[in-house]
């Protein structure tokens, strides 16, 4: 199923408990999350560059 759908939800007591992911899909998601963090850090730095420059003196 994972080969076809790239992920499978495993139930326990009729509730979602685990997710089984294709490793390639997992890697894409991990990279995507890292990029999101980089974008957030860039935005914070850009929004506060004057303060960072003052602190660097």
Protein backbone atom coordinates (compact mmCIF):
# COMPACT_ATOMS: atom_id res chain seq x y z
CA UNK A 1 0.00 0.00 0.00
CA UNK A 2 2.83 2.40 0.82
CA UNK A 3 4.37 1.79 -2.60
CA UNK A 4 1.12 2.90 -4.22
CA UNK A 5 -0.07 5.66 -1.88
CA UNK A 6 3.28 6.82 -0.37
CA UNK A 7 1.81 6.59 3.15
CA UNK A 8 -0.47 4.43 5.25
CA UNK A 9 -2.27 5.24 8.49
CA UNK A 10 -2.22 2.39 11.01
CA UNK A 11 -5.17 2.27 13.35
CA UNK A 12 -5.32 1.14 16.98
CA UNK A 13 -8.70 0.72 18.65
CA UNK A 14 -10.30 2.30 15.56
CA UNK A 15 -8.23 5.48 15.96
CA UNK A 16 -5.26 6.66 13.89
CA UNK A 17 -2.11 5.73 15.81
CA UNK A 18 0.83 5.55 13.38
CA UNK A 19 1.80 6.68 9.91
CA UNK A 20 4.03 4.60 7.69
CA UNK A 21 5.72 6.73 5.02
CA UNK A 22 7.75 6.00 1.95
CA UNK A 23 11.28 7.16 2.86
CA UNK A 24 11.54 9.40 -0.19
CA UNK A 25 8.30 11.16 0.81
CA UNK A 26 9.57 11.50 4.37
CA UNK A 27 12.81 13.06 3.10
CA UNK A 28 10.86 15.57 1.00
CA UNK A 29 8.77 16.57 4.00
CA UNK A 30 11.83 16.92 6.24
CA UNK A 31 13.54 19.13 3.66
CA UNK A 32 10.37 21.17 3.29
CA UNK A 33 10.21 21.76 7.06
CA UNK A 34 13.88 22.84 7.12
CA UNK A 35 13.18 25.31 4.31
CA UNK A 36 10.20 26.69 6.23
CA UNK A 37 12.40 27.25 9.29
CA UNK A 38 15.02 28.95 7.12
CA UNK A 39 12.34 31.26 5.69
CA UNK A 40 11.06 32.13 9.15
CA UNK A 41 14.60 32.86 10.36
CA UNK A 42 15.25 35.05 7.30
CA UNK A 43 12.03 36.98 7.90
CA UNK A 44 12.84 37.56 11.58
CA UNK A 45 16.34 38.69 10.69
CA UNK A 46 15.03 40.98 7.96
CA UNK A 47 12.37 42.47 10.21
CA UNK A 48 14.89 43.16 12.97
CA UNK A 49 18.12 43.83 11.07
CA UNK A 50 18.66 47.21 12.70
CA UNK A 51 18.46 45.70 16.18
CA UNK A 52 20.82 42.88 15.21
CA UNK A 53 23.29 45.38 13.76
CA UNK A 54 23.15 47.48 16.91
CA UNK A 55 23.75 44.43 19.09
CA UNK A 56 26.70 43.41 16.89
CA UNK A 57 28.57 46.66 17.60
